[in-house]
Amino acid sequence: MAGFIPLKPIPIKDRNSMIFVGMGRIDVRDGAFVVIDDVNGERMHIPVGSIACLMLEPGTRISHAAIKLASTTGTLVIWVGEAGVRLYSAGQPGGARSDKLLYQAQLALDESLRLKVVRKMFEIRFGEAPQRRSVDQLRGIEGARVRQIYQMLAKQYSVQWNGRRYDPKDWEAGDKVNQCLSAATSCLYGVTEAAILAAGYAPAIGFLHTGKPLSFVYDIADLIKFETVVPIAFRIAAKSPYQPDKEVRIACREVFRSEKVLKRLIPLIEEVLSAGEIEPPKAPEDSQPPAIPEPESIGDTGHRNK
């Protein structure tokens, strides 16, 4: 009889971006990841290993076996609110590289290194980075340019624009364009967090954004937000659809595929951090190695081994 063939995680760059699941029970049946309709008894298979992140909306339940399988395949599971615009919790199938975490923390804690990283982010977004500017000054310049971009897109798509205004506790309270923007950015934040964890870094250690669980997610997502999901939000808002969040998700998945966003994210993370021009710190000479050596990783750098 043939021996057991272990699961080999698919690299993030080769995966589909995301799937939203609502009003169903997620479990494992016959080794497959399935969503079960308790009313009709129907099953829908989800190829969990080929997805970067799985977003669970209200009304969804998930079994221990399903969480275990998602973790084994390196798929990030995120519990979100209505329309995916409020994050309650997230699993963590990656971020397990202490050398990467210490490297990221060293860059964030040294003000001169942090400024280099922020300047690189600014350069990637706007083509140049003003010299002799502090992080606060760069943040102010960025805010002014972002407001101009929003106004330009509103004019391009003939959408009334009164500014970025939304209540994360009441999605329905926002106008149509802000609803679309919230849905679009939540999609981007999900796949960005999955990429950061797969690369072995911490979502919370940011450079321009700080003090939040997803600070680094916002930093990295902002680098591509205005060339990917923000134009989608304005284009769909201009049509005033009945279900803006659904249309936005479908359009975001398509642009993630066509623009190869998942393939770009991890190299983009490394490019930004390399602007600090330091090497990841080496382990102290007196540090204790693991009693049982870790097996060679078969997935992305940050994915845990079994």
Protein backbone atom coordinates (compact mmCIF):
# COMPACT_ATOMS: atom_id res chain seq x y z
CA MET A 1 0.00 0.00 0.00
CA ALA A 2 1.31 3.43 -0.85
CA GLY A 3 2.54 5.56 2.05
CA PHE A 4 0.75 8.67 3.28
CA ILE A 5 1.51 11.75 1.18
CA PRO A 6 1.66 14.85 3.43
CA LEU A 7 -0.09 18.05 2.43
CA LYS A 8 2.18 20.54 0.74
CA PRO A 9 0.97 24.12 1.13
CA ILE A 10 0.63 26.10 -2.08
CA PRO A 11 2.70 29.32 -1.99
CA ILE A 12 0.65 32.47 -1.42
CA LYS A 13 1.69 33.86 -4.81
CA ASP A 14 -0.04 30.96 -6.59
CA ARG A 15 -3.32 31.07 -4.66
CA ASN A 16 -6.73 32.57 -5.26
CA SER A 17 -7.30 35.59 -3.06
CA MET A 18 -10.32 34.98 -0.82
CA ILE A 19 -13.74 33.48 -0.26
CA PHE A 20 -16.52 34.89 1.94
CA VAL A 21 -18.79 32.39 3.71
CA GLY A 22 -22.07 33.30 5.42
CA MET A 23 -24.97 31.32 6.91
CA GLY A 24 -23.51 27.84 6.88
CA ARG A 25 -21.56 25.25 8.88
CA ILE A 26 -17.98 24.61 7.84
CA ASP A 27 -16.61 21.15 8.50
CA VAL A 28 -14.40 18.42 7.05
CA ARG A 29 -16.11 15.52 5.32
CA ASP A 30 -14.16 12.66 3.72
CA GLY A 31 -11.02 14.76 3.98
CA ALA A 32 -12.61 17.70 2.13
CA PHE A 33 -13.30 21.21 3.41
CA VAL A 34 -17.04 21.79 3.00
CA VAL A 35 -19.80 24.28 3.80
CA ILE A 36 -22.98 22.51 4.91
CA ASP A 37 -26.46 23.98 4.68
CA ASP A 38 -28.17 22.67 7.81
CA VAL A 39 -31.63 23.38 6.38
CA ASN A 40 -31.28 21.62 3.03
CA GLY A 41 -28.38 19.34 3.88
CA GLU A 42 -26.44 20.54 0.85
CA ARG A 43 -22.66 20.66 0.73
CA MET A 44 -20.34 22.97 -1.12
CA HIS A 45 -16.68 22.04 -1.39
CA ILE A 46 -14.05 24.74 -0.88
CA PRO A 47 -10.48 24.10 -2.11
CA VAL A 48 -9.13 25.61 1.11
CA GLY A 49 -5.46 25.01 0.29
CA SER A 50 -5.64 27.17 -2.83
CA ILE A 51 -7.11 30.21 -1.04
CA ALA A 52 -5.12 32.90 0.76
CA CYS A 53 -7.84 33.78 3.26
CA LEU A 54 -11.31 32.64 4.23
CA MET A 55 -13.63 35.34 5.59
CA LEU A 56 -16.46 34.15 7.83
CA GLU A 57 -19.51 36.38 8.12
CA PRO A 58 -22.22 36.32 10.82
CA GLY A 59 -24.27 33.14 10.79
CA THR A 60 -21.26 30.90 10.07
CA ARG A 61 -20.00 28.11 12.34
CA ILE A 62 -16.73 26.25 11.88
CA SER A 63 -15.52 22.99 13.38
CA HIS A 64 -12.22 22.19 15.06
CA ALA A 65 -11.38 19.82 12.20
CA ALA A 66 -11.90 22.59 9.65
CA ILE A 67 -9.68 25.02 11.57
CA LYS A 68 -7.00 22.32 11.79
CA LEU A 69 -7.14 21.71 8.03
CA ALA A 70 -7.02 25.44 7.25
CA SER A 71 -3.99 25.80 9.53
CA THR A 72 -2.24 22.83 7.93
CA THR A 73 -2.70 24.29 4.47
CA GLY A 74 -1.64 27.78 5.60
CA THR A 75 -4.99 29.46 4.94
CA LEU A 76 -5.83 32.48 7.08
CA VAL A 77 -9.31 32.33 8.64
CA ILE A 78 -10.84 35.72 9.50
CA TRP A 79 -14.09 36.31 11.40
CA VAL A 80 -15.70 39.48 10.04
CA GLY A 81 -18.90 41.48 10.47
CA GLU A 82 -21.60 42.28 7.96
CA ALA A 83 -20.18 42.89 4.49
CA GLY A 84 -16.75 42.00 5.83
CA VAL A 85 -16.06 45.49 7.13
CA ARG A 86 -15.49 44.75 10.81
CA LEU A 87 -12.84 42.28 11.94
CA TYR A 88 -13.55 40.31 15.10
CA SER A 89 -10.74 37.77 15.13
CA ALA A 90 -8.27 35.94 12.93
CA GLY A 91 -6.47 32.65 12.93
CA GLN A 92 -2.72 32.74 12.44
CA PRO A 93 -1.26 30.11 10.13
CA GLY A 94 1.97 32.10 9.71
CA GLY A 95 4.16 34.72 11.31
CA ALA A 96 6.27 32.03 12.98
CA ARG A 97 9.77 33.29 12.12
CA SER A 98 11.45 34.92 15.13
CA ASP A 99 14.31 36.25 12.97
CA LYS A 100 11.82 38.07 10.73
CA LEU A 101 9.91 39.46 13.72
CA LEU A 102 13.07 40.76 15.39
CA TYR A 103 14.21 42.29 12.09
CA GLN A 104 10.87 44.07 11.67
CA ALA A 105 10.90 45.26 15.30
CA GLN A 106 14.46 46.58 15.00
CA LEU A 107 13.49 48.64 11.96
CA ALA A 108 10.41 50.01 13.74
CA LEU A 109 12.17 50.89 17.00
CA ASP A 110 15.08 52.83 15.49
CA GLU A 111 13.77 56.23 14.35
CA SER A 112 16.37 56.63 11.59
CA LEU A 113 15.63 53.17 10.19
CA ARG A 114 11.89 53.72 10.50
CA LEU A 115 12.18 56.94 8.53
CA LYS A 116 14.00 55.09 5.74
CA VAL A 117 11.20 52.52 5.55
CA VAL A 118 8.47 55.20 5.55
CA ARG A 119 10.32 57.16 2.87
CA LYS A 120 10.48 54.00 0.73
CA MET A 121 6.74 53.51 1.15
CA PHE A 122 6.17 57.10 0.08
CA GLU A 123 8.42 56.62 -2.94
CA ILE A 124 6.58 53.47 -4.05
CA ARG A 125 3.21 55.22 -3.78
CA PHE A 126 4.03 58.60 -5.27
CA GLY A 127 7.20 58.10 -7.31
CA GLU A 128 9.41 60.22 -5.07
CA ALA A 129 9.97 60.94 -1.38
CA PRO A 130 10.70 64.48 -0.13
CA GLN A 131 14.04 64.66 1.66
CA ARG A 132 14.58 66.21 5.09
CA ARG A 133 11.05 65.38 6.18
CA SER A 134 10.05 63.63 9.40
CA VAL A 135 7.56 60.76 9.55
CA ASP A 136 4.88 63.18 10.75
CA GLN A 137 5.59 65.55 7.87
CA LEU A 138 5.46 62.70 5.34
CA ARG A 139 2.17 61.57 6.88
CA GLY A 140 0.75 65.06 6.39
CA ILE A 141 1.89 65.19 2.76
CA GLU A 142 0.44 61.73 2.17
CA GLY A 143 -2.92 62.76 3.63
CA ALA A 144 -3.15 65.76 1.30
CA ARG A 145 -2.31 63.68 -1.76
CA VAL A 146 -4.78 60.96 -0.81
CA ARG A 147 -7.59 63.51 -0.51
CA GLN A 148 -6.72 64.76 -4.01
CA ILE A 149 -6.86 61.22 -5.39
CA TYR A 150 -10.29 60.63 -3.87
CA GLN A 151 -11.56 63.88 -5.37
CA MET A 152 -10.10 63.01 -8.78
CA LEU A 153 -11.75 59.56 -8.78
CA ALA A 154 -15.07 61.03 -7.67
CA LYS A 155 -14.94 63.44 -10.60
CA GLN A 156 -13.85 60.71 -13.03
CA TYR A 157 -16.79 58.44 -12.09
CA SER A 158 -19.30 61.27 -11.46
CA VAL A 159 -19.79 60.29 -7.83
CA GLN A 160 -20.74 62.80 -5.14
CA TRP A 161 -17.88 62.90 -2.66
CA ASN A 162 -18.11 64.35 0.85
CA GLY A 163 -14.97 62.75 2.22
CA ARG A 164 -14.03 59.38 3.70
CA ARG A 165 -16.69 58.99 6.36
CA TYR A 166 -17.87 55.73 7.86
CA ASP A 167 -18.88 54.14 11.15
CA PRO A 168 -17.28 50.69 11.58
CA LYS A 169 -20.13 49.78 13.96
CA ASP A 170 -22.87 50.77 11.50
CA TRP A 171 -22.01 49.95 7.89
CA GLU A 172 -25.46 50.97 6.63
CA ALA A 173 -24.97 54.52 7.94
CA GLY A 174 -22.40 55.34 5.26
CA ASP A 175 -23.26 56.63 1.80
CA LYS A 176 -22.93 54.30 -1.17
CA VAL A 177 -19.38 55.25 -2.11
CA ASN A 178 -18.14 54.88 1.48
CA GLN A 179 -19.85 51.49 1.73
CA CYS A 180 -18.06 50.40 -1.44
CA LEU A 181 -14.73 51.73 -0.18
CA SER A 182 -15.10 49.91 3.15
CA ALA A 183 -15.95 46.62 1.44
CA ALA A 184 -13.08 46.99 -1.05
CA THR A 185 -10.42 47.83 1.53
CA SER A 186 -11.53 44.98 3.80
CA CYS A 187 -10.88 42.56 0.92
CA LEU A 188 -7.43 44.02 0.40
CA TYR A 189 -6.62 43.96 4.12
CA GLY A 190 -7.51 40.26 4.31
CA VAL A 191 -5.16 39.13 1.55
CA THR A 192 -2.45 41.53 2.75
CA GLU A 193 -2.54 40.09 6.27
CA ALA A 194 -2.31 36.58 4.81
CA ALA A 195 0.78 37.61 2.82
CA ILE A 196 2.45 39.29 5.81
CA LEU A 197 1.95 36.18 7.96
CA ALA A 198 3.13 33.89 5.17
CA ALA A 199 6.31 35.97 4.90
CA GLY A 200 6.96 35.53 8.63
CA TYR A 201 6.24 39.08 9.80
CA ALA A 202 3.86 40.63 12.37
CA PRO A 203 0.72 42.50 11.23
CA ALA A 204 0.87 44.76 14.31
CA ILE A 205 4.39 46.23 13.87
CA GLY A 206 3.79 49.13 11.51
CA PHE A 207 5.84 52.11 10.41
CA LEU A 208 3.48 54.79 9.15
CA HIS A 209 0.53 53.28 11.01
CA THR A 210 1.17 52.31 14.63
CA GLY A 211 -0.70 51.18 17.72
CA LYS A 212 -3.22 48.88 16.01
CA PRO A 213 -3.34 45.08 15.54
CA LEU A 214 -3.14 45.54 11.74
CA SER A 215 -0.78 48.54 11.51
CA PHE A 216 1.64 46.85 9.09
CA VAL A 217 -1.32 45.52 7.06
CA TYR A 218 -2.49 49.10 6.52
CA ASP A 219 1.06 50.17 5.61
CA ILE A 220 1.45 47.52 2.92
CA ALA A 221 -2.13 47.64 1.61
CA ASP A 222 -1.85 51.41 1.12
CA LEU A 223 1.00 50.85 -1.35
CA ILE A 224 -1.37 49.31 -3.90
CA LYS A 225 -4.81 50.41 -2.68
CA PHE A 226 -5.27 53.30 -5.10
CA GLU A 227 -4.25 51.31 -8.15
CA THR A 228 -6.43 48.31 -7.33
CA VAL A 229 -9.48 48.43 -5.05
CA VAL A 230 -10.25 52.14 -4.66
CA PRO A 231 -11.06 52.74 -8.37
CA ILE A 232 -13.27 49.62 -8.20
CA ALA A 233 -15.21 51.12 -5.29
CA PHE A 234 -15.89 54.37 -7.16
CA ARG A 235 -16.83 52.57 -10.38
CA ILE A 236 -19.37 50.36 -8.59
CA ALA A 237 -20.70 53.20 -6.44
CA ALA A 238 -21.46 55.12 -9.63
CA LYS A 239 -23.92 52.38 -10.59
CA SER A 240 -25.66 52.58 -7.16
CA PRO A 241 -26.16 48.79 -6.91
CA TYR A 242 -28.59 47.12 -4.51
CA GLN A 243 -25.84 44.95 -2.98
CA PRO A 244 -22.67 47.05 -3.26
CA ASP A 245 -20.58 44.80 -1.00
CA LYS A 246 -21.27 41.72 -3.15
CA GLU A 247 -20.37 43.49 -6.40
CA VAL A 248 -17.25 44.96 -4.83
CA ARG A 249 -16.03 41.56 -3.62
CA ILE A 250 -16.46 39.96 -7.04
CA ALA A 251 -14.65 42.85 -8.72
CA CYS A 252 -11.85 42.78 -6.14
CA ARG A 253 -11.26 39.07 -6.63
CA GLU A 254 -10.99 39.68 -10.37
CA VAL A 255 -8.51 42.53 -10.04
CA PHE A 256 -6.44 40.53 -7.54
CA ARG A 257 -6.25 37.79 -10.17
CA SER A 258 -5.61 40.00 -13.19
CA GLU A 259 -3.06 42.22 -11.43
CA LYS A 260 -1.37 39.23 -9.74
CA VAL A 261 -1.66 40.99 -6.39
CA LEU A 262 -0.73 37.96 -4.27
CA LYS A 263 2.38 37.42 -6.36
CA ARG A 264 3.43 41.05 -5.77
CA LEU A 265 2.76 41.36 -2.05
CA ILE A 266 5.61 39.41 -0.42
CA PRO A 267 8.34 40.90 -2.69
CA LEU A 268 6.81 44.31 -1.96
CA ILE A 269 7.05 43.68 1.80
CA GLU A 270 10.71 42.68 1.45
CA GLU A 271 11.47 45.70 -0.74
CA VAL A 272 10.00 48.09 1.81
CA LEU A 273 11.87 46.59 4.76
CA SER A 274 15.16 46.37 2.86
CA ALA A 275 15.16 50.18 2.68
CA GLY A 276 16.44 50.10 6.26
CA GLU A 277 19.69 48.67 4.88
CA ILE A 278 20.30 46.28 7.78
CA GLU A 279 20.53 42.51 8.02
CA PRO A 280 18.14 40.44 10.12
CA PRO A 281 19.67 40.01 13.61
CA LYS A 282 21.46 36.76 14.34
CA ALA A 283 20.54 34.61 17.32
CA PRO A 284 22.63 35.27 20.49
CA GLU A 285 25.58 32.90 20.89
CA ASP A 286 24.22 31.61 24.20
CA SER A 287 20.71 30.97 22.90
CA GLN A 288 19.36 27.45 23.31
CA PRO A 289 18.55 25.64 20.04
CA PRO A 290 15.33 23.60 19.85
CA ALA A 291 15.57 20.14 21.39
CA ILE A 292 13.77 18.73 18.35
CA PRO A 293 14.96 20.39 15.11
CA GLU A 294 12.24 21.95 12.98
CA PRO A 295 11.54 20.10 9.72
CA GLU A 296 12.27 21.91 6.49
CA SER A 297 9.41 24.22 5.57
CA ILE A 298 7.37 23.12 2.55
CA GLY A 299 5.30 26.29 2.35
CA ASP A 300 6.01 30.00 2.55
CA THR A 301 8.66 31.26 4.98
CA GLY A 302 6.22 32.04 7.75
CA HIS A 303 3.98 28.99 7.53
CA ARG A 304 4.19 26.69 10.53
CA ASN A 305 5.34 23.14 10.05
CA LYS A 306 3.32 20.26 11.46
